[in-house]
Amino acid sequence: MMPFHPISLPDLPQTIGRLTAIHPVKGGSQESITLLALNTQAELWELELRSGSAELCTHICIPDFNPMQPVQMVTSPDGKYVAISNRFGRHAAVYDLVHAQEKMQL
């Protein structure tokens, strides 16, 4: 069994609001712990947990999307794109995280 060791992380800014979904992002350095986080306002944030930084990526605009319902996020292997939908929703969208823009509706 692998032992776990606690690590201290800085507080995240209050501006990110209340989070309803998080998803790890691959890519980046081994020292970074990066997550995509969705809040109750349907804002998508990129969080870097070791530094405590938070960057607003985009606002999710998907028909019938409800950030308070179960959310599904799937990232590309390089961490440059994310597809987002409600888990049981009919609509989804793909976002370019590098350029902070929607690429397509599904």
N, C-alpha and C. Protein backbone atom coordinates (compact mmCIF):
# COMPACT_ATOMS: atom_id res chain seq x y z
N MET A 1 0.84 -1.18 0.00
CA MET A 1 0.00 0.00 0.00
C MET A 1 0.89 1.24 0.00
N MET A 2 0.50 2.22 -0.79
CA MET A 2 1.28 3.46 -0.90
C MET A 2 0.94 4.39 0.26
N PRO A 3 1.97 4.90 0.96
CA PRO A 3 1.67 5.82 2.07
C PRO A 3 1.25 7.20 1.55
N PHE A 4 0.39 7.85 2.28
CA PHE A 4 -0.05 9.20 1.95
C PHE A 4 0.60 10.18 2.91
N HIS A 5 1.03 11.31 2.38
CA HIS A 5 1.64 12.35 3.19
C HIS A 5 0.88 13.65 2.97
N PRO A 6 0.42 14.29 4.04
CA PRO A 6 -0.31 15.56 3.86
C PRO A 6 0.64 16.65 3.39
N ILE A 7 0.11 17.53 2.55
CA ILE A 7 0.88 18.70 2.12
C ILE A 7 0.02 19.93 2.35
N SER A 8 0.66 21.04 2.65
CA SER A 8 -0.05 22.30 2.86
C SER A 8 -0.20 23.02 1.53
N LEU A 9 -1.39 23.51 1.28
CA LEU A 9 -1.66 24.27 0.06
C LEU A 9 -2.20 25.64 0.44
N PRO A 10 -1.89 26.68 -0.33
CA PRO A 10 -2.43 28.01 -0.03
C PRO A 10 -3.94 28.05 -0.28
N ASP A 11 -4.61 29.00 0.36
CA ASP A 11 -6.04 29.20 0.12
C ASP A 11 -6.27 29.70 -1.30
N LEU A 12 -7.39 29.29 -1.87
CA LEU A 12 -7.78 29.80 -3.19
C LEU A 12 -8.55 31.10 -3.01
N PRO A 13 -8.55 31.98 -4.01
CA PRO A 13 -9.28 33.26 -3.89
C PRO A 13 -10.78 33.04 -3.73
N GLN A 14 -11.43 33.89 -2.95
CA GLN A 14 -12.87 33.82 -2.73
C GLN A 14 -13.66 34.10 -4.02
N THR A 15 -13.03 34.78 -4.98
CA THR A 15 -13.72 35.17 -6.21
C THR A 15 -14.18 34.00 -7.05
N ILE A 16 -13.64 32.81 -6.82
CA ILE A 16 -14.07 31.67 -7.64
C ILE A 16 -15.46 31.18 -7.25
N GLY A 17 -15.95 31.59 -6.09
CA GLY A 17 -17.31 31.23 -5.69
C GLY A 17 -17.42 29.79 -5.21
N ARG A 18 -18.64 29.30 -5.19
CA ARG A 18 -18.91 27.93 -4.73
C ARG A 18 -18.77 26.96 -5.90
N LEU A 19 -17.92 25.96 -5.75
CA LEU A 19 -17.64 25.02 -6.82
C LEU A 19 -18.65 23.87 -6.82
N THR A 20 -19.03 23.45 -8.02
CA THR A 20 -19.97 22.34 -8.15
C THR A 20 -19.33 21.13 -8.83
N ALA A 21 -18.20 21.32 -9.53
CA ALA A 21 -17.52 20.21 -10.20
C ALA A 21 -16.05 20.56 -10.37
N ILE A 22 -15.19 19.54 -10.26
CA ILE A 22 -13.76 19.72 -10.52
C ILE A 22 -13.27 18.55 -11.37
N HIS A 23 -12.20 18.81 -12.11
CA HIS A 23 -11.63 17.79 -12.98
C HIS A 23 -10.12 18.04 -13.08
N PRO A 24 -9.28 17.00 -12.91
CA PRO A 24 -7.83 17.21 -13.03
C PRO A 24 -7.42 17.49 -14.47
N VAL A 25 -6.35 18.28 -14.62
CA VAL A 25 -5.82 18.60 -15.94
C VAL A 25 -4.44 17.97 -16.06
N LYS A 26 -4.24 17.18 -17.11
CA LYS A 26 -2.92 16.59 -17.36
C LYS A 26 -2.10 17.58 -18.17
N GLY A 27 -0.83 17.31 -18.28
CA GLY A 27 0.06 18.23 -18.99
C GLY A 27 0.83 19.02 -17.95
N GLY A 28 1.39 20.09 -18.18
CA GLY A 28 2.07 20.90 -17.16
C GLY A 28 3.20 20.14 -16.47
N SER A 29 3.81 20.77 -15.50
CA SER A 29 4.96 20.19 -14.82
C SER A 29 4.52 19.25 -13.70
N GLN A 30 5.45 18.43 -13.23
CA GLN A 30 5.13 17.49 -12.16
C GLN A 30 4.93 18.21 -10.83
N GLU A 31 5.45 19.42 -10.70
CA GLU A 31 5.27 20.19 -9.48
C GLU A 31 3.90 20.83 -9.38
N SER A 32 3.19 20.94 -10.49
CA SER A 32 1.89 21.62 -10.47
C SER A 32 0.77 20.63 -10.24
N ILE A 33 -0.27 21.11 -9.59
CA ILE A 33 -1.52 20.36 -9.41
C ILE A 33 -2.60 21.27 -9.98
N THR A 34 -3.04 20.98 -11.19
CA THR A 34 -3.97 21.85 -11.89
C THR A 34 -5.32 21.16 -12.02
N LEU A 35 -6.37 21.93 -11.73
CA LEU A 35 -7.74 21.44 -11.84
C LEU A 35 -8.57 22.41 -12.65
N LEU A 36 -9.57 21.90 -13.35
CA LEU A 36 -10.63 22.73 -13.92
C LEU A 36 -11.75 22.69 -12.90
N ALA A 37 -12.36 23.82 -12.64
CA ALA A 37 -13.43 23.89 -11.65
C ALA A 37 -14.58 24.71 -12.20
N LEU A 38 -15.78 24.22 -11.98
CA LEU A 38 -17.00 24.90 -12.40
C LEU A 38 -17.73 25.39 -11.17
N ASN A 39 -18.18 26.64 -11.19
CA ASN A 39 -18.91 27.17 -10.03
C ASN A 39 -20.41 27.27 -10.31
N THR A 40 -21.15 27.73 -9.32
CA THR A 40 -22.61 27.81 -9.43
C THR A 40 -23.06 28.83 -10.48
N GLN A 41 -22.17 29.72 -10.90
CA GLN A 41 -22.49 30.72 -11.93
C GLN A 41 -22.15 30.23 -13.34
N ALA A 42 -21.80 28.94 -13.48
CA ALA A 42 -21.40 28.33 -14.75
C ALA A 42 -20.12 28.97 -15.30
N GLU A 43 -19.23 29.39 -14.41
CA GLU A 43 -17.93 29.90 -14.81
C GLU A 43 -16.93 28.76 -14.69
N LEU A 44 -16.08 28.61 -15.70
CA LEU A 44 -15.04 27.59 -15.69
C LEU A 44 -13.72 28.24 -15.30
N TRP A 45 -13.11 27.72 -14.26
CA TRP A 45 -11.85 28.26 -13.72
C TRP A 45 -10.75 27.22 -13.85
N GLU A 46 -9.52 27.70 -14.05
CA GLU A 46 -8.35 26.84 -13.96
C GLU A 46 -7.66 27.18 -12.64
N LEU A 47 -7.53 26.18 -11.79
CA LEU A 47 -6.93 26.37 -10.47
C LEU A 47 -5.59 25.67 -10.41
N GLU A 48 -4.59 26.34 -9.89
CA GLU A 48 -3.29 25.73 -9.65
C GLU A 48 -3.15 25.65 -8.13
N LEU A 49 -3.27 24.46 -7.58
CA LEU A 49 -3.38 24.30 -6.14
C LEU A 49 -2.09 24.62 -5.38
N ARG A 50 -0.94 24.32 -5.94
CA ARG A 50 0.31 24.60 -5.20
C ARG A 50 0.56 26.10 -5.02
N SER A 51 0.22 26.90 -6.04
CA SER A 51 0.45 28.34 -5.94
C SER A 51 -0.77 29.08 -5.40
N GLY A 52 -1.95 28.45 -5.48
CA GLY A 52 -3.18 29.11 -5.06
C GLY A 52 -3.75 30.04 -6.12
N SER A 53 -3.24 29.95 -7.35
CA SER A 53 -3.72 30.85 -8.40
C SER A 53 -5.01 30.32 -9.01
N ALA A 54 -5.83 31.25 -9.48
CA ALA A 54 -7.10 30.92 -10.12
C ALA A 54 -7.28 31.83 -11.32
N GLU A 55 -7.56 31.24 -12.48
CA GLU A 55 -7.77 32.03 -13.69
C GLU A 55 -9.12 31.65 -14.30
N LEU A 56 -9.94 32.67 -14.53
CA LEU A 56 -11.23 32.45 -15.17
C LEU A 56 -11.00 32.11 -16.64
N CYS A 57 -11.47 30.94 -17.08
CA CYS A 57 -11.29 30.51 -18.47
C CYS A 57 -12.42 31.01 -19.35
N THR A 58 -13.66 30.74 -18.95
CA THR A 58 -14.80 31.10 -19.78
C THR A 58 -16.09 30.90 -18.99
N HIS A 59 -17.17 31.39 -19.56
CA HIS A 59 -18.51 31.15 -19.00
C HIS A 59 -19.16 30.08 -19.87
N ILE A 60 -19.74 29.08 -19.26
CA ILE A 60 -20.35 27.97 -19.99
C ILE A 60 -21.74 28.39 -20.48
N CYS A 61 -21.94 28.33 -21.80
CA CYS A 61 -23.22 28.70 -22.42
C CYS A 61 -23.73 27.53 -23.25
N ILE A 62 -24.37 26.60 -22.57
CA ILE A 62 -24.91 25.40 -23.21
C ILE A 62 -26.42 25.41 -22.96
N PRO A 63 -27.24 25.16 -24.00
CA PRO A 63 -28.69 25.11 -23.77
C PRO A 63 -29.06 24.13 -22.67
N ASP A 64 -29.94 24.56 -21.78
CA ASP A 64 -30.44 23.74 -20.67
C ASP A 64 -29.36 23.32 -19.67
N PHE A 65 -28.18 23.93 -19.71
CA PHE A 65 -27.11 23.56 -18.79
C PHE A 65 -27.42 24.07 -17.38
N ASN A 66 -27.22 23.22 -16.39
CA ASN A 66 -27.46 23.59 -15.00
C ASN A 66 -26.25 23.16 -14.18
N PRO A 67 -25.43 24.13 -13.71
CA PRO A 67 -24.23 23.76 -12.95
C PRO A 67 -24.54 23.11 -11.60
N MET A 68 -25.80 23.15 -11.17
CA MET A 68 -26.17 22.53 -9.90
C MET A 68 -26.53 21.04 -10.08
N GLN A 69 -26.65 20.58 -11.31
CA GLN A 69 -26.89 19.17 -11.61
C GLN A 69 -25.55 18.49 -11.88
N PRO A 70 -25.48 17.14 -11.84
CA PRO A 70 -24.20 16.47 -12.11
C PRO A 70 -23.60 16.92 -13.45
N VAL A 71 -22.32 17.26 -13.41
CA VAL A 71 -21.60 17.78 -14.57
C VAL A 71 -20.54 16.77 -14.99
N GLN A 72 -20.37 16.67 -16.30
CA GLN A 72 -19.35 15.80 -16.86
C GLN A 72 -18.34 16.67 -17.60
N MET A 73 -17.05 16.50 -17.28
CA MET A 73 -15.97 17.20 -17.97
C MET A 73 -14.98 16.16 -18.48
N VAL A 74 -14.61 16.27 -19.75
CA VAL A 74 -13.63 15.38 -20.36
C VAL A 74 -12.58 16.25 -21.02
N THR A 75 -11.32 16.06 -20.63
CA THR A 75 -10.25 16.87 -21.20
C THR A 75 -9.47 16.08 -22.24
N SER A 76 -8.88 16.81 -23.19
CA SER A 76 -8.01 16.18 -24.18
C SER A 76 -6.73 15.73 -23.47
N PRO A 77 -6.00 14.77 -24.03
CA PRO A 77 -4.77 14.28 -23.39
C PRO A 77 -3.74 15.38 -23.12
N ASP A 78 -3.70 16.41 -23.96
CA ASP A 78 -2.73 17.49 -23.76
C ASP A 78 -3.27 18.61 -22.86
N GLY A 79 -4.52 18.51 -22.41
CA GLY A 79 -5.09 19.51 -21.51
C GLY A 79 -5.49 20.81 -22.18
N LYS A 80 -5.53 20.84 -23.51
CA LYS A 80 -5.86 22.09 -24.22
C LYS A 80 -7.36 22.27 -24.48
N TYR A 81 -8.11 21.18 -24.42
CA TYR A 81 -9.55 21.24 -24.70
C TYR A 81 -10.33 20.52 -23.61
N VAL A 82 -11.56 20.97 -23.40
CA VAL A 82 -12.46 20.28 -22.47
C VAL A 82 -13.86 20.26 -23.07
N ALA A 83 -14.52 19.11 -22.94
CA ALA A 83 -15.92 18.98 -23.33
C ALA A 83 -16.72 18.96 -22.03
N ILE A 84 -17.80 19.73 -22.00
CA ILE A 84 -18.61 19.87 -20.78
C ILE A 84 -20.07 19.64 -21.11
N SER A 85 -20.75 18.96 -20.20
CA SER A 85 -22.20 18.76 -20.32
C SER A 85 -22.74 18.41 -18.95
N ASN A 86 -24.06 18.47 -18.83
CA ASN A 86 -24.68 17.86 -17.67
C ASN A 86 -24.64 16.35 -17.92
N ARG A 87 -24.46 15.57 -16.89
CA ARG A 87 -24.30 14.14 -17.06
C ARG A 87 -25.46 13.50 -17.83
N PHE A 88 -26.67 13.95 -17.60
CA PHE A 88 -27.82 13.38 -18.28
C PHE A 88 -28.47 14.39 -19.24
N GLY A 89 -27.68 15.40 -19.65
CA GLY A 89 -28.20 16.43 -20.55
C GLY A 89 -28.14 16.01 -22.01
N ARG A 90 -28.81 16.78 -22.85
CA ARG A 90 -28.83 16.51 -24.29
C ARG A 90 -27.81 17.34 -25.04
N HIS A 91 -27.25 18.36 -24.41
CA HIS A 91 -26.34 19.28 -25.09
C HIS A 91 -24.97 19.30 -24.40
N ALA A 92 -23.95 19.64 -25.17
CA ALA A 92 -22.59 19.76 -24.65
C ALA A 92 -21.85 20.80 -25.49
N ALA A 93 -20.68 21.16 -25.04
CA ALA A 93 -19.83 22.08 -25.81
C ALA A 93 -18.37 21.73 -25.56
N VAL A 94 -17.54 22.05 -26.55
CA VAL A 94 -16.10 21.86 -26.44
C VAL A 94 -15.47 23.24 -26.35
N TYR A 95 -14.56 23.40 -25.38
CA TYR A 95 -13.89 24.69 -25.15
C TYR A 95 -12.39 24.54 -25.34
N ASP A 96 -11.81 25.55 -25.99
CA ASP A 96 -10.37 25.66 -26.16
C ASP A 96 -9.85 26.40 -24.93
N LEU A 97 -9.09 25.73 -24.09
CA LEU A 97 -8.61 26.34 -22.85
C LEU A 97 -7.43 27.28 -23.09
N VAL A 98 -6.69 27.09 -24.16
CA VAL A 98 -5.55 27.96 -24.47
C VAL A 98 -6.04 29.35 -24.88
N HIS A 99 -7.08 29.39 -25.72
CA HIS A 99 -7.59 30.66 -26.23
C HIS A 99 -8.88 31.10 -25.53
N ALA A 100 -9.31 30.34 -24.51
CA ALA A 100 -10.49 30.68 -23.70
C ALA A 100 -11.71 30.98 -24.57
N GLN A 101 -12.04 30.02 -25.45
CA GLN A 101 -13.19 30.21 -26.33
C GLN A 101 -13.88 28.89 -26.61
N GLU A 102 -15.17 29.00 -26.90
CA GLU A 102 -15.94 27.83 -27.28
C GLU A 102 -15.56 27.43 -28.71
N LYS A 103 -15.35 26.12 -28.93
CA LYS A 103 -15.00 25.63 -30.27
C LYS A 103 -16.21 25.06 -31.00
N MET A 104 -17.09 24.35 -30.28
CA MET A 104 -18.27 23.77 -30.94
C MET A 104 -19.32 23.35 -29.93
N GLN A 105 -20.58 23.38 -30.37
CA GLN A 105 -21.70 22.87 -29.58
C GLN A 105 -21.98 21.46 -30.07
N LEU A 106 -22.35 20.61 -29.17
CA LEU A 106 -22.69 19.22 -29.52
C LEU A 106 -24.12 18.95 -29.12
